[in-house]
Protein backbone atom coordinates (compact mmCIF):
# COMPACT_ATOMS: atom_id res chain seq x y z
CA MET A 1 -0.01 0.01 0.02
CA LYS A 2 1.20 3.53 -0.78
CA ASN A 3 2.37 5.91 2.00
CA HIS A 4 0.62 9.22 1.76
CA ASP A 5 2.08 10.90 4.80
CA LEU A 6 4.26 13.96 4.30
CA TRP A 7 6.78 13.32 7.18
CA LYS A 8 8.66 10.65 8.84
CA ASP A 9 9.41 11.16 12.59
CA GLU A 10 11.44 14.28 12.48
CA HIS A 11 8.82 16.40 14.15
CA PHE A 12 8.17 13.98 17.05
CA GLY A 13 10.26 13.49 20.26
CA THR A 14 10.26 12.11 23.69
CA GLU A 15 12.21 14.91 25.57
CA PRO A 16 10.21 18.17 26.21
CA PRO A 17 9.50 20.58 24.63
CA CYS A 18 8.20 18.35 21.94
CA ILE A 19 5.17 16.57 20.45
CA THR A 20 4.64 12.95 21.00
CA TYR A 21 2.66 10.73 18.76
CA GLU A 22 1.38 7.45 19.95
CA LEU A 23 -1.09 4.81 18.71
CA LYS A 24 -3.12 3.32 21.51
CA PRO A 25 -5.30 0.09 20.99
CA LEU A 26 -8.99 0.40 21.20
CA VAL A 27 -10.69 -0.74 24.23
CA THR A 28 -14.32 -2.10 24.49
CA PRO A 29 -16.65 -1.04 27.25
CA GLN A 30 -15.93 -4.45 28.81
CA GLY A 31 -12.22 -3.60 28.87
CA GLU A 32 -11.28 -6.00 25.93
CA VAL A 33 -8.36 -4.74 23.76
CA ILE A 34 -9.13 -4.60 20.04
CA GLU A 35 -5.88 -5.51 18.04
CA GLU A 36 -4.96 -3.61 15.03
CA LEU A 37 -7.26 -0.69 15.31
CA TYR A 38 -6.08 2.47 17.37
CA SER A 39 -6.57 5.94 18.51
CA ALA A 40 -3.79 8.50 17.73
CA TRP A 41 -2.68 10.42 20.79
CA ILE A 42 -1.11 13.85 19.77
CA THR A 43 0.43 15.22 23.05
CA LEU A 44 1.80 18.62 23.70
CA ASN A 45 4.73 17.61 25.82
CA ASN A 46 5.98 20.80 27.69
CA PRO A 47 4.65 20.42 31.13
CA ALA A 48 7.34 22.78 32.87
CA GLN A 49 5.67 25.58 30.72
CA TYR A 50 2.10 24.44 31.05
CA ASN A 51 2.37 22.69 27.59
CA SER A 52 2.85 26.04 25.72
CA TYR A 53 3.95 25.26 22.17
CA THR A 54 7.14 26.19 20.77
CA THR A 55 7.60 26.73 17.02
CA GLN A 56 9.00 23.31 16.65
CA MET A 57 6.04 21.85 18.58
CA VAL A 58 3.64 23.67 16.06
CA LYS A 59 5.28 21.73 13.26
CA GLY A 60 4.84 18.52 15.38
CA VAL A 61 1.01 19.24 15.70
CA ILE A 62 0.77 19.73 11.99
CA ALA A 63 2.73 16.54 11.30
CA GLY A 64 0.69 14.50 13.86
CA PHE A 65 -2.72 15.34 12.36
CA SER A 66 -1.34 14.75 8.84
CA ARG A 67 -0.14 11.31 9.91
CA ALA A 68 -3.27 10.32 11.83
CA SER A 69 -5.40 11.39 8.63
CA MET A 70 -3.32 9.00 6.64
CA GLU A 71 -3.00 5.97 8.97
CA ARG A 72 -5.74 3.46 7.79
CA ASN A 73 -5.94 1.77 11.23
CA VAL A 74 -6.59 4.88 13.29
CA VAL A 75 -10.24 5.53 14.20
CA CYS A 76 -9.99 8.77 16.27
CA VAL A 77 -7.43 11.28 17.43
CA VAL A 78 -7.01 12.39 20.99
CA PHE A 79 -5.35 15.72 21.29
CA THR A 80 -4.08 16.37 24.79
CA GLY A 81 -1.29 17.82 27.03
CA ALA A 82 1.33 16.08 29.27
CA GLY A 83 0.60 15.79 33.05
CA ASP A 84 -2.44 16.88 34.94
CA ARG A 85 -1.97 20.61 35.23
CA ALA A 86 -2.52 21.84 31.69
CA PHE A 87 -3.72 20.99 28.18
CA CYS A 88 -2.17 24.11 26.81
CA THR A 89 -1.51 27.75 27.65
CA GLY A 90 -0.88 28.85 24.17
CA GLY A 91 2.27 29.98 22.42
CA ASN A 92 5.49 29.85 24.37
CA THR A 93 5.78 33.28 25.96
CA LYS A 94 9.57 33.04 26.42
CA GLU A 95 10.19 32.34 22.72
CA TYR A 96 7.70 35.19 21.87
CA ALA A 97 9.39 37.67 24.18
CA GLU A 98 12.94 36.67 23.39
CA TYR A 99 12.78 36.02 19.72
CA TYR A 100 9.62 37.16 17.99
CA ALA A 101 8.98 40.54 19.84
CA GLY A 102 10.07 43.37 17.46
CA LYS A 103 10.41 41.05 14.44
CA PRO A 104 6.99 41.27 12.49
CA ASN A 105 8.29 39.31 9.46
CA GLU A 106 9.62 36.54 11.63
CA TYR A 107 6.28 36.37 13.53
CA GLY A 108 4.48 36.37 10.17
CA LEU A 109 6.21 33.17 9.30
CA TYR A 110 5.31 31.79 12.66
CA MET A 111 1.69 32.59 12.12
CA ASP A 112 1.78 30.78 8.85
CA LEU A 113 2.66 27.69 10.94
CA PHE A 114 0.07 28.41 13.48
CA ASN A 115 -2.62 28.72 10.77
CA GLY A 116 -1.37 25.47 9.37
CA MET A 117 -1.77 23.92 12.69
CA VAL A 118 -5.49 24.97 13.12
CA ASP A 119 -6.11 24.04 9.46
CA ALA A 120 -4.47 20.49 10.28
CA ILE A 121 -7.06 20.04 13.07
CA LEU A 122 -9.96 21.19 11.08
CA ASN A 123 -8.97 19.16 8.06
CA CYS A 124 -8.13 15.91 9.85
CA LYS A 125 -9.97 12.88 8.32
CA LYS A 126 -10.52 11.38 11.67
CA PRO A 127 -12.79 12.61 14.50
CA VAL A 128 -10.67 14.78 17.02
CA ILE A 129 -11.19 14.77 20.73
CA CYS A 130 -9.70 17.34 22.95
CA ARG A 131 -8.70 15.68 26.21
CA ALA A 132 -8.61 18.81 28.46
CA ASN A 133 -6.59 17.39 31.39
CA GLY A 134 -5.92 20.90 32.89
CA MET A 135 -5.76 24.64 31.91
CA ARG A 136 -6.86 25.27 28.37
CA VAL A 137 -6.16 28.98 28.01
CA ALA A 138 -5.10 31.64 25.39
CA GLY A 139 -3.94 29.84 22.17
CA GLY A 140 -4.57 26.53 23.95
CA GLN A 141 -8.28 27.49 24.18
CA GLU A 142 -8.11 28.19 20.37
CA ILE A 143 -6.60 25.08 19.20
CA GLY A 144 -8.93 23.03 21.66
CA MET A 145 -11.95 24.58 20.08
CA ALA A 146 -10.73 23.55 16.72
CA ALA A 147 -11.24 19.88 17.90
CA ASP A 148 -14.63 18.29 17.21
CA LEU A 149 -15.41 17.38 20.89
CA THR A 150 -13.89 18.17 24.23
CA ILE A 151 -14.04 15.87 27.24
CA SER A 152 -12.76 17.77 30.14
CA ALA A 153 -11.32 16.90 33.75
CA ASP A 154 -13.44 19.11 36.15
CA THR A 155 -10.17 20.66 37.37
CA ALA A 156 -9.56 22.37 34.12
CA ILE A 157 -10.02 26.04 33.45
CA PHE A 158 -10.83 27.89 30.16
CA GLY A 159 -10.28 31.35 28.88
CA GLN A 160 -8.42 33.91 26.74
CA ALA A 161 -5.41 36.09 27.81
CA GLY A 162 -4.77 38.07 24.69
CA PRO A 163 -5.97 41.52 25.67
CA ARG A 164 -4.30 41.34 28.95
CA HIS A 165 -0.97 40.23 27.64
CA GLY A 166 -0.55 42.12 24.47
CA SER A 167 -2.46 40.24 21.69
CA ALA A 168 -5.93 39.33 20.46
CA PRO A 169 -7.50 35.93 20.41
CA ASP A 170 -7.46 35.87 16.58
CA GLY A 171 -6.12 32.36 16.42
CA GLY A 172 -9.66 30.99 16.37
CA SER A 173 -11.55 32.43 19.34
CA THR A 174 -12.87 35.44 17.56
CA ASP A 175 -14.06 32.98 14.75
CA PHE A 176 -15.29 30.22 16.68
CA LEU A 177 -16.92 31.82 19.83
CA PRO A 178 -19.79 33.76 17.96
CA TRP A 179 -20.65 30.63 16.22
CA MET A 180 -20.63 28.51 19.51
CA LEU A 181 -22.19 31.24 21.97
CA GLY A 182 -24.61 34.00 22.15
CA LEU A 183 -22.87 37.20 20.78
CA GLU A 184 -22.54 38.90 24.15
CA ASP A 185 -21.08 35.86 25.95
CA ALA A 186 -18.83 35.39 23.03
CA MET A 187 -17.73 39.08 23.41
CA TYR A 188 -17.16 38.86 27.14
CA ASN A 189 -15.25 35.53 26.95
CA CYS A 190 -13.01 37.12 24.28
CA VAL A 191 -11.99 40.37 25.87
CA SER A 192 -12.57 39.85 29.74
CA CYS A 193 -9.55 37.29 30.17
CA GLU A 194 -11.81 35.76 32.88
CA MET A 195 -11.33 32.04 33.55
CA TRP A 196 -14.30 29.75 33.29
CA SER A 197 -14.68 26.36 34.85
CA SER A 198 -15.31 23.19 32.91
CA TYR A 199 -18.86 23.09 34.41
CA LYS A 200 -19.65 26.70 33.13
CA MET A 201 -18.21 25.68 29.67
CA LYS A 202 -20.54 22.74 29.60
CA ARG A 203 -23.45 24.70 30.66
CA LEU A 204 -22.89 27.14 27.89
CA GLY A 205 -22.38 24.35 25.26
CA LEU A 206 -18.69 24.85 24.67
CA ILE A 207 -17.56 21.34 25.75
CA THR A 208 -19.10 17.90 25.55
CA ARG A 209 -18.61 16.27 28.93
CA VAL A 210 -17.05 17.03 32.33
CA VAL A 211 -15.40 14.31 34.49
CA PRO A 212 -14.64 14.45 38.21
CA VAL A 213 -10.84 13.52 38.68
CA LEU A 214 -10.16 14.53 42.25
CA LYS A 215 -9.73 11.44 44.57
CA ASN A 216 -9.86 12.03 48.20
CA ALA A 217 -8.08 10.22 51.01
CA GLU A 218 -10.90 7.68 51.13
CA GLY A 219 -10.35 6.85 47.53
CA GLN A 220 -13.55 8.44 46.56
CA PHE A 221 -13.93 10.70 43.55
CA ILE A 222 -15.43 14.25 44.33
CA ARG A 223 -16.39 17.14 42.23
CA ASN A 224 -14.13 20.18 42.07
CA PRO A 225 -14.85 21.91 45.46
CA THR A 226 -14.07 25.30 44.19
CA VAL A 227 -17.07 25.43 41.75
CA HIS A 228 -20.73 25.92 42.20
CA THR A 229 -22.17 22.46 40.95
CA GLU A 230 -25.72 23.19 42.24
CA SER A 231 -27.63 25.67 40.19
CA TYR A 232 -29.64 28.54 41.50
CA ILE A 233 -30.77 32.05 40.41
CA LYS A 234 -28.69 35.16 41.48
CA ASP A 235 -29.62 38.57 40.13
CA GLY A 236 -31.52 37.00 37.26
CA GLU A 237 -28.56 34.81 36.26
CA ILE A 238 -28.24 31.10 36.47
CA ILE A 239 -25.36 30.38 38.78
CA TYR A 240 -23.89 26.94 37.86
CA GLY A 241 -20.30 26.34 37.23
CA GLU A 242 -19.16 29.63 38.59
CA PHE A 243 -16.22 29.64 40.80
CA LEU A 244 -16.94 30.13 44.54
CA SER A 245 -15.83 33.32 46.13
CA GLY A 246 -13.82 34.35 49.27
CA LYS A 247 -13.65 32.03 52.10
CA GLU A 248 -15.62 29.33 50.29
CA PHE A 249 -13.09 29.30 47.45
CA LYS A 250 -10.07 29.05 49.86
CA LYS A 251 -11.72 26.21 51.60
CA GLY A 252 -12.37 24.38 48.36
CA ARG A 253 -8.61 24.93 47.55
CA GLU A 254 -7.59 23.52 50.72
CA LEU A 255 -9.83 20.50 50.23
CA MET A 256 -8.17 20.07 46.90
CA LYS A 257 -4.75 19.79 48.38
CA GLY A 258 -5.77 16.65 50.21
CA CYS A 259 -6.66 14.94 47.02
CA GLU A 260 -4.83 13.33 44.28
CA ILE A 261 -5.64 13.94 40.45
CA ASP A 262 -6.55 10.70 38.78
CA LEU A 263 -7.15 10.94 35.04
CA ASN A 264 -8.36 7.42 34.65
CA PRO A 265 -11.97 8.38 34.63
CA LEU A 266 -11.32 10.98 32.01
CA ASP A 267 -9.62 8.26 29.89
CA LYS A 268 -12.43 5.92 30.34
CA ALA A 269 -14.98 8.58 29.08
CA ILE A 270 -12.73 9.03 26.05
CA ASP A 271 -12.54 5.36 25.36
CA GLU A 272 -16.40 5.26 25.41
CA ILE A 273 -16.58 8.04 22.79
CA ILE A 274 -14.00 6.32 20.60
CA TRP A 275 -15.96 3.08 20.90
CA THR A 276 -19.07 4.86 19.66
CA PHE A 277 -17.15 6.31 16.69
CA THR A 278 -15.82 2.80 15.95
CA ASN A 279 -19.28 1.38 15.53
CA LEU A 280 -20.26 3.85 12.89
CA PHE A 281 -19.63 3.81 9.06
CA PRO A 282 -16.38 5.68 8.87
CA GLY A 283 -17.29 7.38 5.57
CA CYS A 284 -20.63 8.56 6.86
CA LEU A 285 -19.09 9.56 10.14
CA MET A 286 -16.52 11.84 8.60
CA LYS A 287 -19.03 13.41 6.09
CA SER A 288 -21.13 14.27 9.13
CA ILE A 289 -18.27 15.67 11.03
CA ASP A 290 -17.03 17.72 7.95
CA GLY A 291 -20.45 19.09 7.62
CA ILE A 292 -20.41 20.58 11.07
CA ARG A 293 -16.87 21.66 10.81
CA MET A 294 -17.54 23.49 7.65
CA LYS A 295 -19.31 26.21 9.73
CA LYS A 296 -16.39 26.70 12.02
CA LYS A 297 -14.00 26.60 8.97
CA PHE A 298 -16.14 29.22 7.10
CA PHE A 299 -15.40 31.97 9.71
CA TRP A 300 -11.81 30.78 10.23
CA ASP A 301 -11.06 30.99 6.53
CA GLN A 302 -12.69 34.47 6.16
CA THR A 303 -10.09 36.16 8.71
CA LYS A 304 -7.05 34.02 9.27
CA LEU A 305 -4.94 35.75 6.59
CA ALA A 306 -5.89 39.21 7.74
CA ASN A 307 -5.33 38.26 11.39
CA ARG A 308 -1.88 36.82 10.46
CA HIS A 309 -0.75 40.29 9.21
CA TRP A 310 -2.20 42.20 12.08
CA LEU A 311 -0.76 39.90 14.66
CA SER A 312 2.71 40.43 12.93
CA VAL A 313 2.59 44.11 13.05
CA ASN A 314 1.36 43.95 16.69
CA MET A 315 4.75 42.38 17.52
CA MET A 316 6.23 45.76 17.10
CA THR A 317 3.90 47.44 19.80
CA GLU A 318 1.62 46.06 22.30
CA ALA A 319 2.67 42.41 21.95
CA LEU A 320 6.31 43.50 22.49
CA LEU A 321 5.20 45.17 25.80
CA GLY A 322 2.70 42.36 26.94
CA PHE A 323 5.03 39.31 26.39
CA ARG A 324 8.16 41.00 27.80
CA ALA A 325 6.21 41.86 30.96
CA PHE A 326 5.04 38.30 31.28
CA ASN A 327 8.35 36.89 30.45
CA GLU A 328 10.12 39.02 32.97
CA ARG A 329 7.68 38.45 35.76
CA LYS A 330 10.27 36.65 38.02
CA GLN A 331 12.46 39.70 38.06
CA THR A 332 9.83 42.36 38.50
CA GLY A 333 7.07 40.60 40.53
CA LYS A 334 4.47 41.72 37.89
CA ASP A 335 3.26 40.05 34.80
CA VAL A 336 1.54 42.99 33.26
CA ILE A 337 2.37 46.53 32.14
CA ASP A 338 1.20 49.72 33.81
CA PHE A 339 -1.88 50.14 31.83
CA VAL A 340 -2.89 53.53 33.20
CA GLU A 341 0.38 55.04 32.37
CA TYR A 342 0.29 53.51 28.90
CA ARG A 343 -3.21 54.96 28.31
CA ASN A 344 -2.08 58.33 29.48
CA LEU A 345 0.96 58.31 27.12
CA ILE A 346 -1.35 57.28 24.22
CA ALA A 347 -3.71 60.13 25.18
CA LYS A 348 -0.81 62.54 24.69
CA ALA A 349 0.09 61.05 21.40
CA HIS A 350 3.50 59.88 22.75
CA PRO A 351 5.39 57.97 20.12
CA PHE A 352 5.91 54.32 20.54
CA ASN A 353 9.67 54.54 21.44
CA GLN A 354 12.03 53.23 23.97
CA GLU A 355 10.95 56.03 26.37
CA LEU A 356 7.53 54.77 26.40
CA ILE A 357 8.51 51.12 26.83
CA ASP A 358 10.73 51.95 29.79
CA ALA A 359 7.78 54.04 31.22
CA VAL A 360 5.22 51.20 31.28
CA LEU A 361 7.21 47.87 31.67
CA PRO A 362 7.64 46.83 35.38
CA LYS A 363 10.83 47.62 36.93
CA PRO A 364 13.09 44.91 38.28
CA LYS A 365 12.60 44.28 42.11
CA GLU A 366 15.39 45.86 44.32
């Protein structure tokens, strides 16, 4: 049989930061292993930096989805992150701050790869499940939303970070969210940089399933104790999946410290969905999936090139400030610029120069 894959193994690795590509045998609901049929696991392996993707890792994601599409014995793709703290927190801020900031042409080339990564997910000829094992934030939220389904640990949090750290969520969120949410919820999610729980994401229809993964000292699984998991009405709004506040939140955090995270229930839920896919006609399944994906792709394709150019130019101004502030937070104790001073300087038509940069970036701690 002919090999239609474009790459060998040059974009995969075992030592972080890297992408790992693994075939896992299918498992029936009774636990029986099915020989010679697999799910392809594409894993963002950079846990020390919350699975943020480097340029090389973006290439690996593209190669992984291409390979999974071409492998005849693969039923489904599982897209996940290493460890239990994060699926992905977006682009690697250290790389952004130390290499791409101030280099719009270089960042434009990077964005060509990023757009290719989202295209690779949306064009994959196998169903794609995002296994949200932890934080899915910023660009991680965007590539996660490109997947067909999301099965989430209830310890995961979701949200954007761009407007707070020097960018805009134009890697998919501004395209996908108005299609997936009401317009004002989409607007608020895009610009507020507020983190949402997995239960709130489920309530609003942004993910498929939430799975408790916290195991207490007695070996019992409990729901995330920092989140409202009973619904009630407050000020005309349904409260379900919102984070607790004040002492209740702190109490929940303390309870979590006495638990271990066990992702086996998450993987069992994913196996159940893969088994559902296995027992469908593959051609009819993919035509159905592509029919839904088409709506997301329509909006993504309208703006991805224009967004590529704006994001490149932005590396000369606000992205330069935002990524540097975040990258230098250990030296300064702050991860954002002085927004009030920046707005004051803009109001006075101050040129974007070194004087402005020095005025708004946090100063090193004495």
